[in-house]
Amino acid sequence: MNWEQVKIKPILVLFLFSFLLIIFFIIGFFLFQQKVLIVGDGFEFTTIQSAVDQSEPGDIILVTDSLSPYAEPVEIMNKTGISIIGIGKPVLDGSTLPAGSNGISISNSSRIRVKGLTIQEYIFDGFGGGNGIIVENSSDLNLFVKNKLISNGEFGFFAFESSRNLVLSNKTNQNLDGIRIDLSEKDIVIGNESNDNEVFGILISSPNSLTLGNVMERNDTGIDAQDQEIFIANKIIDSTGEDVFEVDGSENILIGNKVIRTIDEDGIKIDGDFNILIGNVAIENGETGLIIDDDTQNNIVIGNRLLNNGEDGLLVDEDTLDHLVMNNKMIGNQRNGIRIADRTFNIMFKRNVVKENTIGIFLRNDLETFDQEIKIINNKIIGNIEEGILFGGAIANTINHNTIHRNGIGIRFTEDEDGTLAQENVISHNSITKNEGDGIMFEESLNNTIEKNHILSNGAVGLFLDVDSTGNQVLNNRAFFNFILDIQDDDNNIFQGNKCGTSFGPVDCPN
């Protein structure tokens, strides 16, 4: 074997590869050579529009601040692959232009890059003009980065029927809407600041889009979303309108967003199906932290914190079904930690912490023929001022393996304000301890099952059934050390296998 030939072959291959790479580089240089067009005092171009008109794919337009402010509407039509980059702090100002002018209009164009411009005071005309930047007519794959879109009469940034655009680290303040993306898809909105806009910080109708790490302060509404969108780590602070983070659609994912100090209104509102909410925070909002709106289904709410809101931490509104609410914290809300409205069906509440609200969980039902089948399982319901759990007319629900501790009353069953009685509920395997009043209180409640609960050291009666509560089965519970009585029954209920220290009425309760 000729070892010299063996050694030479890889050298020849490497040389040939390098030669071809150089040839391709030279060809690419001459075929795709970029031009740099400079706008400013003493340069070839004195307006941005004139540079755009002369640009070709791959060209870079540098806009200096030497002739700033530029009082012009810039139109980019049927262009591909040009960049407009601000040098210094150039300003496009529309305050002296006719109403309806836009700062930069991009139409039927792609791979346009706009960076480092301030675009301000373009005037609304009543017909959709007056935008800082408008992207329309299938203008896709464009990049907008580190621009300031301020005090425009319509929208700071507006994309319409254009997809896969990236809006990155811009400031869109004091417009009608800060960022508005409509009838588009697969857009990415990252790290923008959108403050003090008259209506929306960000309104986005763009399936398969990502909205990440934006900050919105003092807008009427922070975010308005539609269908199949992803929202991660956005912050909405001090908004003034209602439904400040409104998801008006289905199959959205919300992860790690924060809604803080909404003025007199709700934080997050979900008005759609099959949405997933994980690790979001709603704190100190004027009304409810999170609403799952009426007529919705199959939403998943996991690991959120709903704290110190002016009404409820979580409201599951009427006529909803099949939701999962798990591992959340509802703490310090002024009304209910969780409020479950009329005619809700098959909702699982599991492993939540419901603490230091006025009422921990309030479940009501105004229709006596409607079985709710709500499941409240393995929750910690602690330190609520009035009831830990309040059932108003609730029917056919399951409450088991919960810790119900140091509330005003542990669990209270009563009729709904419309007269529906609490009935056919199952209360089992709960630890009901050290509540200030009764451990479990039944008022006008029928045919419920109370089984295998530990009812200990409550401040009044451990288990109390009033004269209008009948047909309830009280089975195999342990009730001891309650201050007044362990079990009191004023009427005809069924007792079997219970252990207690003190009792009143026809109670089968040996020590």
Foldseek 3Di string as FASTA:
>chain_A
DPVVVVVVVVVVVVVVVVVVVVVVVVVCCVVPPEAEAEAAPPGPHPAPQVVLVPDAARYEYEYEQRNPPHQDAHEHEPHEHYEYEYDDEHEDEPQPPDAQGENYEYENYEQYEYYRYEYEARHHDPPPGFEPYEYEHAYEHYEYEAYEQEHTAAEPYEYEQYEHYEYYAYEQEAYQEHEEYYNYAAYEYENYEQEHHAAEPYEHEYANYEYENYEYEAYQAYYEYEERYEYEAYEYEAHEHEQRAEYQYENYEYYAYEYEAHELYEGHEYNEEHYEYAAYEFEAYAEEDYEDEAPYEHYEAAHYEQYQYAEEPYEDEANYEHYEHEHYEQENYAHEPYEYYEHYAHYEYEAYEQEAYQEYYEYEYLDQVHQHAYEYAAYEQEHHADESYEYALHHQYEYADYEQEAYQEHYEFAHHPNGRGAEQYEYEHYEQEAYAEESYYYDLYEHYEYEHYEQEQYAYEPAEYDANYEAYEYEQYEFENHRHAPEEYNYHYHEYNYAYDGYYDPHPHHD
